[in-house]
Amino acid sequence: MISYEPLWATMEKRGITKYQLIYHWGISSNTLRRMGHGEPISSNTLNELCLILQCRVEDILRFTATEEELAEVNRRKEEIIAFQRRRRKK
């Protein structure tokens, strides 16, 4: 799961408000809303935010896998391994 929690701390450190991002830098209010709800944004937007805030991507977002995500990835890995084994037997 991606969290944009680091963004808000970085903005505070830099003294940049949501208002400034929207009206001075052209970041859409919908993008900020999406980030506030943990929804995806484009890599172009990440690039813009890094430039505006003069920071790294890690200062904007954090990735932490949830138990559900890890379980799904493990399930898919097992399916791939099983498929490859069946294929080798043929």
Protein backbone atom coordinates (compact mmCIF):
# COMPACT_ATOMS: atom_id res chain seq x y z
CA MET A 1 0.00 0.00 0.00
CA ILE A 2 1.27 3.44 -0.85
CA SER A 3 0.93 6.21 1.70
CA TYR A 4 1.47 9.87 0.91
CA GLU A 5 1.96 10.71 4.58
CA PRO A 6 5.58 11.82 3.99
CA LEU A 7 4.31 14.46 1.53
CA TRP A 8 2.44 16.40 4.17
CA ALA A 9 5.49 16.46 6.47
CA THR A 10 7.75 17.53 3.58
CA MET A 11 5.36 20.32 2.62
CA GLU A 12 5.34 21.55 6.21
CA LYS A 13 9.16 21.49 6.38
CA ARG A 14 9.36 23.48 3.12
CA GLY A 15 6.62 25.89 4.14
CA ILE A 16 4.48 25.01 1.12
CA THR A 17 0.72 24.75 1.44
CA LYS A 18 -1.89 22.92 -0.63
CA TYR A 19 -3.11 26.34 -1.75
CA GLN A 20 0.34 27.17 -3.15
CA LEU A 21 0.60 23.82 -4.93
CA ILE A 22 -2.76 24.41 -6.57
CA TYR A 23 -2.64 28.13 -7.40
CA HIS A 24 1.08 28.83 -7.80
CA TRP A 25 2.40 25.51 -9.10
CA GLY A 26 -0.58 24.15 -11.06
CA ILE A 27 -1.05 20.88 -9.15
CA SER A 28 -4.71 19.97 -9.46
CA SER A 29 -6.89 19.94 -6.37
CA ASN A 30 -8.14 16.52 -7.50
CA THR A 31 -4.57 15.19 -7.39
CA LEU A 32 -4.19 16.39 -3.81
CA ARG A 33 -7.57 14.88 -2.95
CA ARG A 34 -6.47 11.57 -4.48
CA MET A 35 -3.27 11.64 -2.46
CA GLY A 36 -5.24 12.43 0.68
CA HIS A 37 -7.26 9.26 0.08
CA GLY A 38 -4.25 7.08 -0.80
CA GLU A 39 -5.25 6.78 -4.45
CA PRO A 40 -2.76 6.48 -7.34
CA ILE A 41 -1.16 9.45 -9.07
CA SER A 42 1.05 9.62 -12.15
CA SER A 43 4.81 9.44 -12.17
CA ASN A 44 4.74 12.84 -13.92
CA THR A 45 3.01 14.29 -10.86
CA LEU A 46 5.59 12.67 -8.58
CA ASN A 47 8.32 14.22 -10.71
CA GLU A 48 6.68 17.66 -10.50
CA LEU A 49 6.28 17.43 -6.74
CA CYS A 50 9.93 16.39 -6.32
CA LEU A 51 11.00 19.40 -8.36
CA ILE A 52 8.71 21.83 -6.54
CA LEU A 53 9.63 20.56 -3.07
CA GLN A 54 13.27 19.86 -4.01
CA CYS A 55 13.07 16.43 -2.49
CA ARG A 56 13.26 12.72 -3.28
CA VAL A 57 10.34 10.40 -4.01
CA GLU A 58 10.82 8.91 -0.52
CA ASP A 59 9.93 12.34 0.88
CA ILE A 60 6.54 12.13 -0.86
CA LEU A 61 5.41 8.54 -0.54
CA ARG A 62 6.03 5.36 1.43
CA PHE A 63 5.33 1.80 0.38
CA THR A 64 4.33 -0.79 2.96
CA ALA A 65 2.86 -4.09 1.85
CA THR A 66 -0.31 -5.12 3.65
CA GLU A 67 -0.89 -8.71 4.77
CA GLU A 68 -3.52 -9.09 2.05
CA GLU A 69 -1.13 -7.86 -0.65
CA LEU A 70 1.62 -10.20 0.51
CA ALA A 71 -0.80 -13.14 0.60
CA GLU A 72 -1.96 -12.37 -2.96
CA VAL A 73 1.62 -12.15 -4.25
CA ASN A 74 2.51 -15.44 -2.57
CA ARG A 75 -0.59 -17.09 -4.04
CA ARG A 76 0.39 -15.89 -7.52
CA LYS A 77 3.97 -17.12 -7.07
CA GLU A 78 2.67 -20.57 -6.14
CA GLU A 79 0.46 -20.62 -9.24
CA ILE A 80 3.42 -19.70 -11.46
CA ILE A 81 5.62 -22.38 -9.90
CA ALA A 82 2.88 -24.99 -10.30
CA PHE A 83 2.35 -23.96 -13.93
CA GLN A 84 6.08 -24.19 -14.67
CA ARG A 85 6.27 -27.67 -13.08
CA ARG A 86 3.33 -28.90 -15.15
CA ARG A 87 4.93 -27.48 -18.27
CA ARG A 88 8.24 -29.23 -17.61
CA LYS A 89 6.50 -32.59 -17.21
CA LYS A 90 5.08 -32.41 -20.75
